[in-house]
Protein backbone atom coordinates (compact mmCIF):
# COMPACT_ATOMS: atom_id res chain seq x y z
CA UNK A 1 81.90 76.85 108.07
CA UNK A 2 84.82 77.96 110.22
CA UNK A 3 87.29 76.94 107.48
CA UNK A 4 85.40 79.05 104.94
CA UNK A 5 85.36 82.07 107.26
CA UNK A 6 89.10 81.75 107.99
CA UNK A 7 89.83 81.37 104.27
CA UNK A 8 87.76 84.51 103.53
CA UNK A 9 89.64 86.46 106.22
CA UNK A 10 93.09 85.41 104.99
CA UNK A 11 92.39 85.86 101.26
CA UNK A 12 90.11 88.93 101.28
CA UNK A 13 90.42 90.93 104.52
CA UNK A 14 94.14 90.78 105.40
CA UNK A 15 95.39 92.15 102.06
CA UNK A 16 92.93 95.05 102.33
CA UNK A 17 94.08 96.00 105.83
CA UNK A 18 97.78 95.64 105.16
CA UNK A 19 98.11 93.20 108.07
CA UNK A 20 99.71 90.45 106.09
CA UNK A 21 103.44 89.96 106.11
CA UNK A 22 105.20 89.72 102.79
CA UNK A 23 107.34 86.74 102.01
CA UNK A 24 109.65 89.06 100.06
CA UNK A 25 111.31 91.95 101.95
CA UNK A 26 110.58 95.36 100.45
CA UNK A 27 113.67 97.35 99.46
CA UNK A 28 112.61 100.68 97.96
CA UNK A 29 115.04 102.52 95.72
CA UNK A 30 115.10 106.27 95.19
CA UNK A 31 113.18 107.20 92.06
CA UNK A 32 113.15 110.99 92.21
CA UNK A 33 113.31 114.11 94.34
CA UNK A 34 110.98 116.98 93.40
CA UNK A 35 111.93 120.58 94.14
CA UNK A 36 109.36 123.36 93.74
CA UNK A 37 111.07 126.43 92.24
CA UNK A 38 110.21 130.06 91.59
CA UNK A 39 112.18 130.55 88.37
CA UNK A 40 112.59 127.34 86.37
CA UNK A 41 115.06 128.75 83.85
CA UNK A 42 117.37 130.12 86.55
CA UNK A 43 117.22 126.92 88.60
CA UNK A 44 117.72 124.70 85.54
CA UNK A 45 120.80 126.69 84.51
CA UNK A 46 122.17 126.46 88.07
CA UNK A 47 121.88 122.67 88.26
CA UNK A 48 123.27 122.28 84.73
CA UNK A 49 126.17 124.70 85.11
CA UNK A 50 127.16 124.39 88.76
CA UNK A 51 126.52 120.70 89.36
CA UNK A 52 126.90 119.55 85.74
CA UNK A 53 123.73 117.45 85.97
CA UNK A 54 122.46 116.04 82.70
CA UNK A 55 118.88 116.81 81.70
CA UNK A 56 116.65 113.92 80.75
CA UNK A 57 113.38 113.97 78.83
CA UNK A 58 110.33 114.92 80.87
CA UNK A 59 106.90 113.82 79.70
CA UNK A 60 104.91 117.01 80.26
CA UNK A 61 106.51 119.35 77.72
CA UNK A 62 104.69 122.26 79.39
CA UNK A 63 107.66 124.51 80.20
CA UNK A 64 107.12 123.95 83.94
CA UNK A 65 109.44 120.98 84.49
CA UNK A 66 113.15 120.17 84.18
CA UNK A 67 114.32 116.66 84.93
CA UNK A 68 117.91 115.64 85.68
CA UNK A 69 119.65 112.31 86.11
CA UNK A 70 121.22 112.03 89.57
CA UNK A 71 122.05 108.33 89.54
CA UNK A 72 121.53 105.13 87.61
CA UNK A 73 117.77 105.13 88.24
CA UNK A 74 117.24 108.37 90.18
CA UNK A 75 116.12 111.81 89.04
CA UNK A 76 115.82 115.37 90.26
CA UNK A 77 112.61 117.10 89.15
CA UNK A 78 112.46 120.90 89.19
CA UNK A 79 108.88 122.14 89.07
CA UNK A 80 108.00 125.76 88.28
CA UNK A 81 105.32 127.33 90.43
CA UNK A 82 106.63 128.49 93.81
CA UNK A 83 105.11 131.90 94.54
CA UNK A 84 108.32 133.20 96.10
CA UNK A 85 111.77 132.18 97.24
CA UNK A 86 111.52 131.07 100.85
CA UNK A 87 113.94 130.20 103.63
CA UNK A 88 114.83 126.55 104.07
CA UNK A 89 116.49 124.78 106.99
CA UNK A 90 119.95 123.36 106.35
CA UNK A 91 118.90 120.05 107.92
CA UNK A 92 116.75 119.44 104.82
CA UNK A 93 119.32 119.36 102.04
CA UNK A 94 120.34 117.49 98.89
CA UNK A 95 123.82 116.01 98.95
CA UNK A 96 126.13 115.23 96.07
CA UNK A 97 129.64 113.76 96.22
CA UNK A 98 132.54 114.95 94.07
CA UNK A 99 136.01 113.55 93.44
CA UNK A 100 137.71 116.79 94.55
CA UNK A 101 136.06 119.15 97.00
CA UNK A 102 138.93 121.61 96.46
CA UNK A 103 138.18 121.76 92.72
CA UNK A 104 134.46 122.19 93.37
CA UNK A 105 135.13 125.05 95.80
CA UNK A 106 137.20 126.75 93.08
CA UNK A 107 134.15 126.64 90.77
CA UNK A 108 131.94 128.16 93.48
CA UNK A 109 134.48 130.97 93.99
CA UNK A 110 134.67 131.63 90.23
CA UNK A 111 130.89 132.01 90.21
CA UNK A 112 130.73 134.14 93.38
CA UNK A 113 128.67 131.57 95.26
CA UNK A 114 129.08 131.64 99.03
CA UNK A 115 129.53 128.38 100.89
CA UNK A 116 129.90 127.48 104.53
CA UNK A 117 130.56 124.63 106.89
CA UNK A 118 127.86 122.92 108.97
CA UNK A 119 128.20 125.50 111.77
CA UNK A 120 127.62 128.35 109.32
CA UNK A 121 131.17 129.70 109.14
CA UNK A 122 131.58 131.32 105.71
CA UNK A 123 134.11 129.80 103.32
CA UNK A 124 134.94 127.00 105.76
CA UNK A 125 134.89 123.22 105.34
CA UNK A 126 133.48 120.71 107.81
CA UNK A 127 135.85 117.81 108.51
CA UNK A 128 133.68 114.92 109.65
CA UNK A 129 134.94 112.29 112.09
CA UNK A 130 134.70 109.67 109.32
CA UNK A 131 137.23 111.59 107.20
CA UNK A 132 134.71 113.12 104.78
CA UNK A 133 134.97 116.85 104.04
CA UNK A 134 131.80 118.78 103.24
CA UNK A 135 130.44 122.24 102.46
CA UNK A 136 126.97 123.75 102.15
CA UNK A 137 125.52 126.40 99.86
CA UNK A 138 122.14 127.39 98.48
CA UNK A 139 120.55 127.04 95.07
CA UNK A 140 118.66 130.00 93.52
CA UNK A 141 115.52 129.13 95.53
CA UNK A 142 117.34 128.92 98.84
CA UNK A 143 117.38 125.12 99.03
CA UNK A 144 120.50 123.85 100.79
CA UNK A 145 122.97 121.65 98.96
CA UNK A 146 125.81 119.69 100.50
CA UNK A 147 128.84 118.76 98.49
CA UNK A 148 131.25 116.26 99.98
CA UNK A 149 134.15 114.07 98.98
CA UNK A 150 132.77 110.76 100.26
CA UNK A 151 133.90 107.77 98.24
């Protein structure tokens, strides 16, 4: 009877409680990031025109979603519905790398988009100790974006 009880515990109870170790390590990969926006058209145009992100088909076809490819198997989802544009902390940001930060800054200047370094100094670049240069700016909904030249 003890063998039956132990078998029941191992086969039925442990998987339900999550207290069983997996033989295979779990390595999640980024699937998508969802950003709740106030004006979908304005935000979609921003990510298309400023970051040159490619749109991908979205399944809802309801006029409330824009999906972008941001990597081999990763997406950015913009979702219409935020009641207002709100303040966001710079610590919570999306980061993209570019080949030339200088060229990207030129595009920001052409489009009258302010940028700053990590400390908040306008039109300044942060030079990290690992040799990466970075800047920060906001999208139309006030979400912070970092652009850097990391390889």
